[in-house]
């Protein structure tokens, strides 16, 4: 059974613990998938400071055991920014024993226990949602999300899956991120609407500016045509405006 420690005890701090297991990722997606989720979250929860999303960061649950390092995880009810140096790792006894509510593992070239040993470990830890995304699955959906119920993970079938404890949905869709067009993982609203990526939001803002500029140019053209029509009728627009003052 996992042990959780009283933060008042004299235990090693995050500065004293390794910040990684030094195991290199075997595919870019193991960084890019959670990185995109973190970037979107930073937009939709920009005004909140009670959450933290870790990417390839060690979670310490026992000072006598090595950290477990998921590809991504989300914790709620913790400080988003602890100080200017940011977190070196996620140490449970420094986080009031707040366990991540969601853990994400991305499988690429080889399995690393994502569907058995890691799943059992996260269930014992009490992680509410466990998501596994695999680029190699052909006969099953590439994204599987499990919900912890009575200490056991149950596979959820929805895409996207609404997670009321988080207030967000998680699902997959094709899109473009960092110039790469493929299937990505995204956050969704309860209505099933996908939240835009930073690139998409910037493109939408640029499009709104272009639309506003085009409308302004069209309005100027309409004004010029009206002024020309007045002049053709022998009416001086300047005198007309002065008379209205």
C-alpha atoms as a PDB file:
ATOM      1  CA  UNK A   1       0.000   0.000   0.000  1.00  0.00           C
ATOM      2  CA  UNK A   2       1.265   3.479  -0.833  1.00  0.00           C
ATOM      3  CA  UNK A   3       2.236   5.680   2.083  1.00  0.00           C
ATOM      4  CA  UNK A   4       1.413   9.385   2.216  1.00  0.00           C
ATOM      5  CA  UNK A   5       3.332  11.517   4.625  1.00  0.00           C
ATOM      6  CA  UNK A   6       2.568  14.305   7.058  1.00  0.00           C
ATOM      7  CA  UNK A   7       4.137  17.430   5.507  1.00  0.00           C
ATOM      8  CA  UNK A   8       5.162  18.582   8.990  1.00  0.00           C
ATOM      9  CA  UNK A   9       7.645  15.728   9.292  1.00  0.00           C
ATOM     10  CA  UNK A  10      11.314  16.231   8.424  1.00  0.00           C
ATOM     11  CA  UNK A  11      11.364  14.913   4.883  1.00  0.00           C
ATOM     12  CA  UNK A  12      13.542  15.688   1.842  1.00  0.00           C
ATOM     13  CA  UNK A  13      12.462  18.737  -0.134  1.00  0.00           C
ATOM     14  CA  UNK A  14      12.031  19.016  -3.873  1.00  0.00           C
ATOM     15  CA  UNK A  15      15.434  20.739  -4.051  1.00  0.00           C
ATOM     16  CA  UNK A  16      17.060  17.641  -2.568  1.00  0.00           C
ATOM     17  CA  UNK A  17      15.344  15.122  -4.822  1.00  0.00           C
ATOM     18  CA  UNK A  18      16.136  14.336  -8.475  1.00  0.00           C
ATOM     19  CA  UNK A  19      13.766  16.194 -10.775  1.00  0.00           C
ATOM     20  CA  UNK A  20      13.605  13.387 -13.343  1.00  0.00           C
ATOM     21  CA  UNK A  21      14.288   9.690 -13.770  1.00  0.00           C
ATOM     22  CA  UNK A  22      16.674  10.695 -16.585  1.00  0.00           C
ATOM     23  CA  UNK A  23      14.909   8.303 -18.945  1.00  0.00           C
ATOM     24  CA  UNK A  24      14.720   9.927 -22.397  1.00  0.00           C
ATOM     25  CA  UNK A  25      11.401   9.974 -24.215  1.00  0.00           C
ATOM     26  CA  UNK A  26      11.287   7.624 -27.190  1.00  0.00           C
ATOM     27  CA  UNK A  27       9.034   9.842 -29.288  1.00  0.00           C
ATOM     28  CA  UNK A  28       8.371  13.575 -29.603  1.00  0.00           C
ATOM     29  CA  UNK A  29       4.694  12.979 -28.911  1.00  0.00           C
ATOM     30  CA  UNK A  30       5.462  12.150 -25.287  1.00  0.00           C
ATOM     31  CA  UNK A  31       6.386  15.814 -24.844  1.00  0.00           C
ATOM     32  CA  UNK A  32       4.142  17.440 -27.453  1.00  0.00           C
ATOM     33  CA  UNK A  33       0.837  15.829 -26.427  1.00  0.00           C
ATOM     34  CA  UNK A  34       0.904  16.947 -22.778  1.00  0.00           C
ATOM     35  CA  UNK A  35       2.626  20.189 -23.784  1.00  0.00           C
ATOM     36  CA  UNK A  36      -0.335  21.135 -25.966  1.00  0.00           C
ATOM     37  CA  UNK A  37      -2.817  20.325 -23.191  1.00  0.00           C
ATOM     38  CA  UNK A  38      -0.819  22.504 -20.799  1.00  0.00           C
ATOM     39  CA  UNK A  39      -0.714  25.395 -23.290  1.00  0.00           C
ATOM     40  CA  UNK A  40      -4.477  25.275 -23.847  1.00  0.00           C
ATOM     41  CA  UNK A  41      -5.094  25.036 -20.108  1.00  0.00           C
ATOM     42  CA  UNK A  42      -2.965  28.137 -19.538  1.00  0.00           C
ATOM     43  CA  UNK A  43      -5.406  30.014 -21.789  1.00  0.00           C
ATOM     44  CA  UNK A  44      -8.740  28.774 -20.509  1.00  0.00           C
ATOM     45  CA  UNK A  45      -7.669  28.914 -16.847  1.00  0.00           C
ATOM     46  CA  UNK A  46      -5.551  32.042 -17.146  1.00  0.00           C
ATOM     47  CA  UNK A  47      -7.313  33.668 -14.167  1.00  0.00           C
ATOM     48  CA  UNK A  48      -6.988  30.629 -11.907  1.00  0.00           C
ATOM     49  CA  UNK A  49      -4.011  29.917  -9.665  1.00  0.00           C
ATOM     50  CA  UNK A  50      -5.249  26.690  -8.062  1.00  0.00           C
ATOM     51  CA  UNK A  51      -3.949  24.151 -10.563  1.00  0.00           C
ATOM     52  CA  UNK A  52      -0.737  22.669 -11.856  1.00  0.00           C
ATOM     53  CA  UNK A  53      -0.014  20.667 -15.000  1.00  0.00           C
ATOM     54  CA  UNK A  54       3.263  18.791 -15.020  1.00  0.00           C
ATOM     55  CA  UNK A  55       4.997  17.497 -18.153  1.00  0.00           C
ATOM     56  CA  UNK A  56       7.580  14.709 -17.800  1.00  0.00           C
ATOM     57  CA  UNK A  57       7.952  15.621 -14.119  1.00  0.00           C
ATOM     58  CA  UNK A  58       8.637  13.268 -11.257  1.00  0.00           C
ATOM     59  CA  UNK A  59       5.900  12.649  -8.676  1.00  0.00           C
ATOM     60  CA  UNK A  60       7.331  11.735  -5.265  1.00  0.00           C
ATOM     61  CA  UNK A  61       4.916   9.783  -3.087  1.00  0.00           C
ATOM     62  CA  UNK A  62       7.397   8.162  -0.669  1.00  0.00           C
ATOM     63  CA  UNK A  63      10.816   9.543   0.392  1.00  0.00           C
ATOM     64  CA  UNK A  64      12.196   6.017   0.283  1.00  0.00           C
ATOM     65  CA  UNK A  65      11.026   5.303  -3.280  1.00  0.00           C
ATOM     66  CA  UNK A  66      12.016   6.774  -6.640  1.00  0.00           C
ATOM     67  CA  UNK A  67       9.619   9.137  -8.323  1.00  0.00           C
ATOM     68  CA  UNK A  68       7.114   7.963 -10.894  1.00  0.00           C
ATOM     69  CA  UNK A  69       7.293  10.130 -14.016  1.00  0.00           C
ATOM     70  CA  UNK A  70       4.119  10.266 -16.146  1.00  0.00           C
ATOM     71  CA  UNK A  71       4.153  12.094 -19.445  1.00  0.00           C
ATOM     72  CA  UNK A  72       1.615  14.564 -18.058  1.00  0.00           C
ATOM     73  CA  UNK A  73      -0.537  15.106 -14.981  1.00  0.00           C
ATOM     74  CA  UNK A  74      -3.019  17.625 -13.626  1.00  0.00           C
ATOM     75  CA  UNK A  75      -3.469  18.552  -9.959  1.00  0.00           C
ATOM     76  CA  UNK A  76      -6.209  20.798  -8.580  1.00  0.00           C
ATOM     77  CA  UNK A  77      -6.202  22.745  -5.323  1.00  0.00           C
ATOM     78  CA  UNK A  78      -2.453  23.425  -5.395  1.00  0.00           C
ATOM     79  CA  UNK A  79      -0.480  26.563  -6.150  1.00  0.00           C
ATOM     80  CA  UNK A  80       0.098  27.019  -9.833  1.00  0.00           C
ATOM     81  CA  UNK A  81       3.380  28.850  -9.243  1.00  0.00           C
ATOM     82  CA  UNK A  82       5.325  28.181  -6.051  1.00  0.00           C
ATOM     83  CA  UNK A  83       8.127  30.697  -6.739  1.00  0.00           C
ATOM     84  CA  UNK A  84      10.210  32.119  -9.564  1.00  0.00           C
ATOM     85  CA  UNK A  85      12.226  28.916  -9.853  1.00  0.00           C
ATOM     86  CA  UNK A  86       9.010  26.944 -10.408  1.00  0.00           C
ATOM     87  CA  UNK A  87       8.663  23.307  -9.387  1.00  0.00           C
ATOM     88  CA  UNK A  88      11.589  20.936  -9.741  1.00  0.00           C
ATOM     89  CA  UNK A  89       9.275  17.984  -9.126  1.00  0.00           C
ATOM     90  CA  UNK A  90       5.893  17.258  -7.579  1.00  0.00           C
ATOM     91  CA  UNK A  91       6.452  16.164  -3.977  1.00  0.00           C
ATOM     92  CA  UNK A  92       3.252  15.002  -2.306  1.00  0.00           C
ATOM     93  CA  UNK A  93       4.295  15.920   1.221  1.00  0.00           C
ATOM     94  CA  UNK A  94       4.972  19.481  -0.003  1.00  0.00           C
ATOM     95  CA  UNK A  95       1.581  19.602  -1.773  1.00  0.00           C
ATOM     96  CA  UNK A  96      -0.604  18.732   1.260  1.00  0.00           C
ATOM     97  CA  UNK A  97      -0.743  15.155  -0.114  1.00  0.00           C
ATOM     98  CA  UNK A  98      -2.920  16.321  -3.023  1.00  0.00           C
ATOM     99  CA  UNK A  99      -2.804  13.513  -5.567  1.00  0.00           C
ATOM    100  CA  UNK A 100      -3.118  14.412  -9.278  1.00  0.00           C
ATOM    101  CA  UNK A 101      -6.689  14.162 -10.521  1.00  0.00           C
ATOM    102  CA  UNK A 102      -5.562  13.166 -14.020  1.00  0.00           C
ATOM    103  CA  UNK A 103      -2.517  11.342 -15.333  1.00  0.00           C
ATOM    104  CA  UNK A 104      -1.629  10.977 -19.013  1.00  0.00           C
ATOM    105  CA  UNK A 105       0.727   8.410 -20.511  1.00  0.00           C
ATOM    106  CA  UNK A 106       1.661   8.484 -24.202  1.00  0.00           C
ATOM    107  CA  UNK A 107       2.787   5.162 -25.695  1.00  0.00           C
ATOM    108  CA  UNK A 108       4.903   5.314 -28.816  1.00  0.00           C
ATOM    109  CA  UNK A 109       7.503   2.760 -29.850  1.00  0.00           C
ATOM    110  CA  UNK A 110       7.212   0.413 -26.890  1.00  0.00           C
ATOM    111  CA  UNK A 111       4.933  -0.284 -23.971  1.00  0.00           C
ATOM    112  CA  UNK A 112       6.155   0.643 -20.509  1.00  0.00           C
ATOM    113  CA  UNK A 113       3.469  -0.897 -18.347  1.00  0.00           C
ATOM    114  CA  UNK A 114       0.847   1.717 -19.245  1.00  0.00           C
ATOM    115  CA  UNK A 115      -1.964  -0.845 -19.423  1.00  0.00           C
ATOM    116  CA  UNK A 116      -1.030  -2.921 -16.376  1.00  0.00           C
ATOM    117  CA  UNK A 117       1.545  -1.994 -13.745  1.00  0.00           C
ATOM    118  CA  UNK A 118       1.271   1.780 -14.127  1.00  0.00           C
ATOM    119  CA  UNK A 119      -2.500   1.614 -14.234  1.00  0.00           C
ATOM    120  CA  UNK A 120      -2.557  -0.415 -11.025  1.00  0.00           C
ATOM    121  CA  UNK A 121      -0.127   1.998  -9.372  1.00  0.00           C
ATOM    122  CA  UNK A 122      -2.149   5.091 -10.240  1.00  0.00           C
ATOM    123  CA  UNK A 123      -5.323   3.386  -9.013  1.00  0.00           C
ATOM    124  CA  UNK A 124      -3.658   2.657  -5.682  1.00  0.00           C
ATOM    125  CA  UNK A 125      -2.433   6.242  -5.514  1.00  0.00           C
ATOM    126  CA  UNK A 126      -6.013   7.450  -6.008  1.00  0.00           C
ATOM    127  CA  UNK A 127      -5.680   9.249  -9.353  1.00  0.00           C
ATOM    128  CA  UNK A 128      -9.277   9.831 -10.473  1.00  0.00           C
ATOM    129  CA  UNK A 129      -8.678   9.698 -14.229  1.00  0.00           C
ATOM    130  CA  UNK A 130      -5.994   7.778 -16.072  1.00  0.00           C
ATOM    131  CA  UNK A 131      -5.591   8.450 -19.801  1.00  0.00           C
ATOM    132  CA  UNK A 132      -3.428   6.372 -22.146  1.00  0.00           C
ATOM    133  CA  UNK A 133      -2.791   7.464 -25.713  1.00  0.00           C
ATOM    134  CA  UNK A 134      -1.062   5.073 -28.105  1.00  0.00           C
ATOM    135  CA  UNK A 135       0.132   5.797 -31.626  1.00  0.00           C
ATOM    136  CA  UNK A 136       0.371   2.062 -32.353  1.00  0.00           C
ATOM    137  CA  UNK A 137      -3.181   0.850 -31.728  1.00  0.00           C
ATOM    138  CA  UNK A 138      -5.154  -0.101 -34.825  1.00  0.00           C
ATOM    139  CA  UNK A 139      -8.080  -2.212 -33.646  1.00  0.00           C
ATOM    140  CA  UNK A 140      -8.861  -0.170 -30.549  1.00  0.00           C
ATOM    141  CA  UNK A 141      -9.266   3.583 -30.046  1.00  0.00           C
ATOM    142  CA  UNK A 142      -5.865   5.241 -29.579  1.00  0.00           C
ATOM    143  CA  UNK A 143      -7.144   7.087 -26.504  1.00  0.00           C
ATOM    144  CA  UNK A 144      -8.409   5.196 -23.479  1.00  0.00           C
ATOM    145  CA  UNK A 145      -9.580   7.075 -20.396  1.00  0.00           C
ATOM    146  CA  UNK A 146     -10.243   5.222 -17.151  1.00  0.00           C
ATOM    147  CA  UNK A 147     -12.237   6.553 -14.208  1.00  0.00           C
ATOM    148  CA  UNK A 148     -11.527   5.348 -10.679  1.00  0.00           C
ATOM    149  CA  UNK A 149     -14.639   3.825  -9.119  1.00  0.00           C
ATOM    150  CA  UNK A 150     -14.447   1.976  -5.797  1.00  0.00           C
ATOM    151  CA  UNK A 151     -10.694   1.660  -6.156  1.00  0.00           C
ATOM    152  CA  UNK A 152     -10.881   0.118  -9.649  1.00  0.00           C
ATOM    153  CA  UNK A 153     -10.379   1.786 -13.028  1.00  0.00           C
ATOM    154  CA  UNK A 154     -13.335   1.538 -15.402  1.00  0.00           C
ATOM    155  CA  UNK A 155     -12.844   2.292 -19.086  1.00  0.00           C
ATOM    156  CA  UNK A 156     -14.970   5.221 -20.285  1.00  0.00           C
ATOM    157  CA  UNK A 157     -16.310   5.197 -23.840  1.00  0.00           C
ATOM    158  CA  UNK A 158     -17.049   8.836 -24.644  1.00  0.00           C
ATOM    159  CA  UNK A 159     -14.910  10.972 -26.938  1.00  0.00           C
ATOM    160  CA  UNK A 160     -14.594  13.556 -25.630  1.00  0.00           C
ATOM    161  CA  UNK A 161     -15.102  12.397 -22.054  1.00  0.00           C
ATOM    162  CA  UNK A 162     -16.597  14.990 -19.701  1.00  0.00           C
ATOM    163  CA  UNK A 163     -14.850  14.943 -16.300  1.00  0.00           C
ATOM    164  CA  UNK A 164     -17.021  16.830 -13.775  1.00  0.00           C
ATOM    165  CA  UNK A 165     -14.351  16.750 -11.059  1.00  0.00           C
ATOM    166  CA  UNK A 166     -12.119  18.770 -13.386  1.00  0.00           C
ATOM    167  CA  UNK A 167     -14.751  20.806 -15.200  1.00  0.00           C
ATOM    168  CA  UNK A 168     -13.332  19.877 -18.576  1.00  0.00           C
ATOM    169  CA  UNK A 169     -13.638  17.184 -21.193  1.00  0.00           C
ATOM    170  CA  UNK A 170     -10.713  15.345 -22.772  1.00  0.00           C
ATOM    171  CA  UNK A 171     -10.764  13.949 -26.282  1.00  0.00           C
ATOM    172  CA  UNK A 172      -8.959  13.573 -29.578  1.00  0.00           C
ATOM    173  CA  UNK A 173      -9.322  15.277 -32.935  1.00  0.00           C
ATOM    174  CA  UNK A 174      -7.239  16.128 -35.970  1.00  0.00           C
ATOM    175  CA  UNK A 175      -5.616  19.514 -36.014  1.00  0.00           C
ATOM    176  CA  UNK A 176      -2.355  21.407 -36.437  1.00  0.00           C
ATOM    177  CA  UNK A 177       0.066  22.192 -33.620  1.00  0.00           C
ATOM    178  CA  UNK A 178       3.545  23.651 -34.145  1.00  0.00           C
ATOM    179  CA  UNK A 179       3.012  23.160 -37.852  1.00  0.00           C
ATOM    180  CA  UNK A 180       2.310  19.421 -37.414  1.00  0.00           C
ATOM    181  CA  UNK A 181      -1.041  18.187 -38.719  1.00  0.00           C
ATOM    182  CA  UNK A 182      -2.198  14.956 -37.095  1.00  0.00           C
ATOM    183  CA  UNK A 183      -4.445  13.721 -34.320  1.00  0.00           C
ATOM    184  CA  UNK A 184      -3.941  15.568 -31.022  1.00  0.00           C
ATOM    185  CA  UNK A 185      -5.508  15.554 -27.584  1.00  0.00           C
ATOM    186  CA  UNK A 186      -7.641  18.561 -26.652  1.00  0.00           C
ATOM    187  CA  UNK A 187      -9.732  19.969 -23.818  1.00  0.00           C
ATOM    188  CA  UNK A 188     -13.483  20.333 -24.382  1.00  0.00           C
ATOM    189  CA  UNK A 189     -16.379  22.212 -22.810  1.00  0.00           C
ATOM    190  CA  UNK A 190     -19.326  20.387 -21.269  1.00  0.00           C
ATOM    191  CA  UNK A 191     -21.254  21.068 -24.479  1.00  0.00           C
ATOM    192  CA  UNK A 192     -18.581  19.178 -26.413  1.00  0.00           C
ATOM    193  CA  UNK A 193     -16.947  22.226 -27.989  1.00  0.00           C
ATOM    194  CA  UNK A 194     -13.198  21.959 -28.436  1.00  0.00           C
ATOM    195  CA  UNK A 195     -11.075  24.708 -26.899  1.00  0.00           C
ATOM    196  CA  UNK A 196      -8.700  26.279 -29.444  1.00  0.00           C
ATOM    197  CA  UNK A 197      -4.952  25.922 -29.333  1.00  0.00           C
ATOM    198  CA  UNK A 198      -2.735  29.006 -28.904  1.00  0.00           C
ATOM    199  CA  UNK A 199      -2.065  28.961 -32.652  1.00  0.00           C
ATOM    200  CA  UNK A 200      -5.756  28.707 -33.459  1.00  0.00           C
ATOM    201  CA  UNK A 201      -6.622  31.495 -31.047  1.00  0.00           C
ATOM    202  CA  UNK A 202      -3.960  33.724 -32.615  1.00  0.00           C
ATOM    203  CA  UNK A 203      -5.263  32.888 -36.092  1.00  0.00           C
ATOM    204  CA  UNK A 204      -8.815  33.686 -34.991  1.00  0.00           C
ATOM    205  CA  UNK A 205      -7.685  37.035 -33.575  1.00  0.00           C
ATOM    206  CA  UNK A 206      -5.814  37.812 -36.801  1.00  0.00           C
ATOM    207  CA  UNK A 207      -8.896  36.907 -38.835  1.00  0.00           C
ATOM    208  CA  UNK A 208     -11.061  39.210 -36.720  1.00  0.00           C
ATOM    209  CA  UNK A 209      -8.610  42.049 -37.330  1.00  0.00           C
ATOM    210  CA  UNK A 210      -8.644  41.373 -41.065  1.00  0.00           C
ATOM    211  CA  UNK A 211     -12.443  41.247 -41.099  1.00  0.00           C
ATOM    212  CA  UNK A 212     -12.631  44.532 -39.170  1.00  0.00           C
ATOM    213  CA  UNK A 213     -10.136  46.169 -41.540  1.00  0.00           C
ATOM    214  CA  UNK A 214     -12.090  44.926 -44.568  1.00  0.00           C
ATOM    215  CA  UNK A 215     -15.337  46.262 -43.110  1.00  0.00           C
ATOM    216  CA  UNK A 216     -13.703  49.625 -42.399  1.00  0.00           C
ATOM    217  CA  UNK A 217     -12.381  49.805 -45.967  1.00  0.00           C
ATOM    218  CA  UNK A 218     -15.820  48.965 -47.334  1.00  0.00           C
ATOM    219  CA  UNK A 219     -17.404  51.646 -45.175  1.00  0.00           C
ATOM    220  CA  UNK A 220     -14.902  54.198 -46.468  1.00  0.00           C
ATOM    221  CA  UNK A 221     -15.751  53.228 -50.035  1.00  0.00           C
ATOM    222  CA  UNK A 222     -19.468  53.674 -49.340  1.00  0.00           C
ATOM    223  CA  UNK A 223     -18.768  57.083 -47.828  1.00  0.00           C
ATOM    224  CA  UNK A 224     -16.662  58.139 -50.826  1.00  0.00           C
ATOM    225  CA  UNK A 225     -19.421  57.067 -53.238  1.00  0.00           C
ATOM    226  CA  UNK A 226     -22.000  59.044 -51.252  1.00  0.00           C
ATOM    227  CA  UNK A 227     -19.809  62.150 -51.257  1.00  0.00           C
ATOM    228  CA  UNK A 228     -19.263  61.835 -55.004  1.00  0.00           C
ATOM    229  CA  UNK A 229     -23.023  61.537 -55.598  1.00  0.00           C
ATOM    230  CA  UNK A 230     -23.581  64.730 -53.599  1.00  0.00           C
ATOM    231  CA  UNK A 231     -20.963  66.599 -55.612  1.00  0.00           C
ATOM    232  CA  UNK A 232     -22.535  65.429 -58.878  1.00  0.00           C
ATOM    233  CA  UNK A 233     -25.791  66.991 -57.704  1.00  0.00           C
ATOM    234  CA  UNK A 234     -24.039  70.272 -57.004  1.00  0.00           C
ATOM    235  CA  UNK A 235     -24.029  69.833 -53.241  1.00  0.00           C
ATOM    236  CA  UNK A 236     -20.864  70.644 -51.360  1.00  0.00           C
ATOM    237  CA  UNK A 237     -20.545  67.994 -48.627  1.00  0.00           C
ATOM    238  CA  UNK A 238     -18.478  70.363 -46.491  1.00  0.00           C
ATOM    239  CA  UNK A 239     -21.157  73.032 -46.492  1.00  0.00           C
ATOM    240  CA  UNK A 240     -23.781  70.408 -45.790  1.00  0.00           C
ATOM    241  CA  UNK A 241     -21.885  69.199 -42.727  1.00  0.00           C
ATOM    242  CA  UNK A 242     -21.347  72.761 -41.491  1.00  0.00           C
ATOM    243  CA  UNK A 243     -25.066  73.405 -41.746  1.00  0.00           C
ATOM    244  CA  UNK A 244     -25.797  70.423 -39.536  1.00  0.00           C
ATOM    245  CA  UNK A 245     -23.558  71.714 -36.733  1.00  0.00           C
END
